[in-house]
Amino acid sequence: MFKPTICLPVIAAAVLILGLSAPGFAYHDGGVAHCDGCHTMHNSVNGQPVVTTSGSNLLKGADASSVCLSCHQGSGSYHIYSDSGANYTPGGDFFWTSVDVSWVVRGNTNVRKGYGNGHSVVAADFPEIQAELDLTTSPGGNFPAAILGCQSCHDPHGVVPNKTGPISGSGSFGGTAPAGATLGNYRLLGAVGYSPTGSNVTFINAPPVARALPNGSANESDDHHAEYGSGTAEWCANCHAGFQVAGTGNDKHPTGTTVKLGNFVTNYNRYRSTGDTGGNFSTAYSALVPIERGISDNSALDTDNTEGAVDGQSSVTCLSCHRAHASAFEYGTRWDTSTELLVDSHPDTGDTVTRSDAATLKNNSYYGRTIETAFNEYQRSLCNKCHLKD
């Protein structure tokens, strides 16, 4: 497995020692990072090779995702690939695409393959991440599954079309760019016109207005979470256009900025668990069923906001039900949709797992929540947060 030989903190220390007076940027701060963080110009330092496996475009890894994961593997903070599903980030943990879970029900063995738990990226230096076997293209679209990688969604060069002046910082955390400058896209997501190499897909929808958790506080909870303002489902539709239906059609759940919760607002705000509808607006927000706020300025979003839905403003988004990276459950859903009672979710204690151990995976699958404690032992699908059928 590829491991970087040059550590970013060393680079940061060198900047401090040299006393450079330019603004201090994080490695990804809205725009293109320093080139040799991802590329090796000559693959040589003092006559020794920098990496043993390099990819096209002088990458410091076999492919783009391998380069990304070489820094983003680990636990906590900016990491999105742990060894046990322990990263409780809003987007999820790519660990879940690397583990198979099996269990026996009435003599029949059920198997949940890792590649079905979300976006199973191609990363040759991390062979435990499973290749997609069931799909050839993105559901509802035509993005080739065989080349899906981190760079399929994130633009590593942080291009902002038609920007005014330089990129002065990240567009993920609110704030305003100085006069004559521009903030980057939320999470470096591909902008209008972005076309991942080899995909024949060109994005037509802009990145969403959203606000990420502050750096160093990646764990998601009901009172500390990413906030979605507008445009989330529309951006997902760059690759999944058939599922972004703006309220039309009979076979797909409506999503989108224009699809307001309407009569479901009352349900969302009252619902706390199966059998308990005594909730109130001020504490109604659920990180397991997030909503889009209907806000077009990410500076107006509050990552500690616990308020529920607002009629005529709040919307359903793809991320209300799915995690952007991966989850413990099929299709990257935020809860197990294959069981009646969530206490019967898998992974569960006693299951057979191919990585880590079943008890740890059970704990991490709901981000440290115990269903009986967070809800109750009879808790049913969280579709009921809006639909209230339980």
Foldseek 3Di string as FASTA:
>chain_A
DWAFPDDPVVVVVVCVVVPDPDDDADQCWQFAGPPVLFADPVQDDPRHGRADAADPPRGNANDDQQSVQSPQEDEFFNHQAYQFQQQQFLQGHLNQQLKKWWDDDPRDIDIDHSVQFALQADGPVCPSRDQDDPDQADAQARFGSRHHHPCVFAPNRQDDPPFFAEADGAQAAADDDPPRHHHTAHVNTDAQQDDPPPGPFGAHFGGFQKHAFPGRPRRDWLQAHIAGAFDQQVRVCSRNVRQADCPDDDPHDHFHQNAWLAPLQQLQQQDQFVVGRNGHFQQRGGSLQHKHFQHRGNNPDDRRGRGGHDHPRITHHPSRFARNGGANEGHRGSAHPPDFWRQPDPPDQPIDMDGDHSHSNVCSRNSNDRCCVSYRRRTGDPVCSRVVPD
